Amino acid sequence: MLVHMSDALDLDAIEANLNDVEIALERLESGTYFTDEISGSALSEDVLSANPTARHA
């Protein structure tokens, strides 16, 4: 099966997005979703509204 370079790049982006969503769901389950992973402070609603998979501001 011939895979074009753009298809491979699209697949890589989709896999990265899926990984980000899976991490966000794990963080939600563990109670750390709203916490900045670097500083430990709360992530603002604006940050999470702009990027629901954000792990730091």
C-alpha atoms as a PDB file:
ATOM      1  CA  MET A   1       0.000   0.000   0.000  1.00  0.00           C
ATOM      2  CA  LEU A   2       1.417   3.326  -1.059  1.00  0.00           C
ATOM      3  CA  VAL A   3       1.261   6.008   1.619  1.00  0.00           C
ATOM      4  CA  HIS A   4       1.808   9.574   0.556  1.00  0.00           C
ATOM      5  CA  MET A   5       3.940  11.864   2.698  1.00  0.00           C
ATOM      6  CA  SER A   6       0.997  14.179   3.431  1.00  0.00           C
ATOM      7  CA  ASP A   7      -1.116  11.213   4.559  1.00  0.00           C
ATOM      8  CA  ALA A   8       1.650  10.084   6.905  1.00  0.00           C
ATOM      9  CA  LEU A   9       1.934  13.604   8.335  1.00  0.00           C
ATOM     10  CA  ASP A  10      -1.847  13.764   8.780  1.00  0.00           C
ATOM     11  CA  LEU A  11      -1.778  10.420  10.589  1.00  0.00           C
ATOM     12  CA  ASP A  12       1.027  11.636  12.864  1.00  0.00           C
ATOM     13  CA  ALA A  13      -0.997  14.750  13.745  1.00  0.00           C
ATOM     14  CA  ILE A  14      -4.122  12.692  14.435  1.00  0.00           C
ATOM     15  CA  GLU A  15      -2.161  10.310  16.669  1.00  0.00           C
ATOM     16  CA  ALA A  16      -0.630  13.243  18.566  1.00  0.00           C
ATOM     17  CA  ASN A  17      -4.077  14.796  19.077  1.00  0.00           C
ATOM     18  CA  LEU A  18      -5.473  11.469  20.274  1.00  0.00           C
ATOM     19  CA  ASN A  19      -2.599  11.133  22.727  1.00  0.00           C
ATOM     20  CA  ASP A  20      -3.300  14.646  24.059  1.00  0.00           C
ATOM     21  CA  VAL A  21      -6.988  13.772  24.548  1.00  0.00           C
ATOM     22  CA  GLU A  22      -6.121  10.517  26.328  1.00  0.00           C
ATOM     23  CA  ILE A  23      -3.774  12.390  28.677  1.00  0.00           C
ATOM     24  CA  ALA A  24      -6.467  15.019  29.349  1.00  0.00           C
ATOM     25  CA  LEU A  25      -8.972  12.276  30.204  1.00  0.00           C
ATOM     26  CA  GLU A  26      -6.463  10.625  32.551  1.00  0.00           C
ATOM     27  CA  ARG A  27      -5.842  13.992  34.217  1.00  0.00           C
ATOM     28  CA  LEU A  28      -9.594  14.537  34.573  1.00  0.00           C
ATOM     29  CA  GLU A  29     -10.001  11.121  36.220  1.00  0.00           C
ATOM     30  CA  SER A  30      -7.078  11.715  38.586  1.00  0.00           C
ATOM     31  CA  GLY A  31      -8.254  15.208  39.545  1.00  0.00           C
ATOM     32  CA  THR A  32      -5.287  17.064  38.043  1.00  0.00           C
ATOM     33  CA  TYR A  33      -6.951  18.335  34.848  1.00  0.00           C
ATOM     34  CA  PHE A  34      -7.277  21.911  36.102  1.00  0.00           C
ATOM     35  CA  THR A  35      -3.676  22.053  37.398  1.00  0.00           C
ATOM     36  CA  ASP A  36      -0.647  23.379  35.515  1.00  0.00           C
ATOM     37  CA  GLU A  37       1.816  20.472  35.297  1.00  0.00           C
ATOM     38  CA  ILE A  38       4.828  22.785  35.516  1.00  0.00           C
ATOM     39  CA  SER A  39       3.887  25.337  38.163  1.00  0.00           C
ATOM     40  CA  GLY A  40       1.212  23.419  40.061  1.00  0.00           C
ATOM     41  CA  SER A  41      -1.099  26.433  39.918  1.00  0.00           C
ATOM     42  CA  ALA A  42      -4.632  26.337  38.578  1.00  0.00           C
ATOM     43  CA  LEU A  43      -5.138  26.528  34.822  1.00  0.00           C
ATOM     44  CA  SER A  44      -7.490  29.346  33.917  1.00  0.00           C
ATOM     45  CA  GLU A  45     -10.808  28.751  32.237  1.00  0.00           C
ATOM     46  CA  ASP A  46      -9.533  30.850  29.314  1.00  0.00           C
ATOM     47  CA  VAL A  47      -6.544  28.538  28.783  1.00  0.00           C
ATOM     48  CA  LEU A  48      -8.681  25.398  28.883  1.00  0.00           C
ATOM     49  CA  SER A  49     -11.363  26.970  26.687  1.00  0.00           C
ATOM     50  CA  ALA A  50      -8.755  27.783  24.055  1.00  0.00           C
ATOM     51  CA  ASN A  51      -7.064  24.375  24.349  1.00  0.00           C
ATOM     52  CA  PRO A  52      -8.934  21.691  26.324  1.00  0.00           C
ATOM     53  CA  THR A  53      -5.851  19.453  26.281  1.00  0.00           C
ATOM     54  CA  ALA A  54      -3.527  22.133  27.722  1.00  0.00           C
ATOM     55  CA  ARG A  55      -1.199  20.833  30.417  1.00  0.00           C
ATOM     56  CA  HIS A  56       0.386  24.182  31.283  1.00  0.00           C
ATOM     57  CA  ALA A  57      -0.293  27.859  30.651  1.00  0.00           C
END
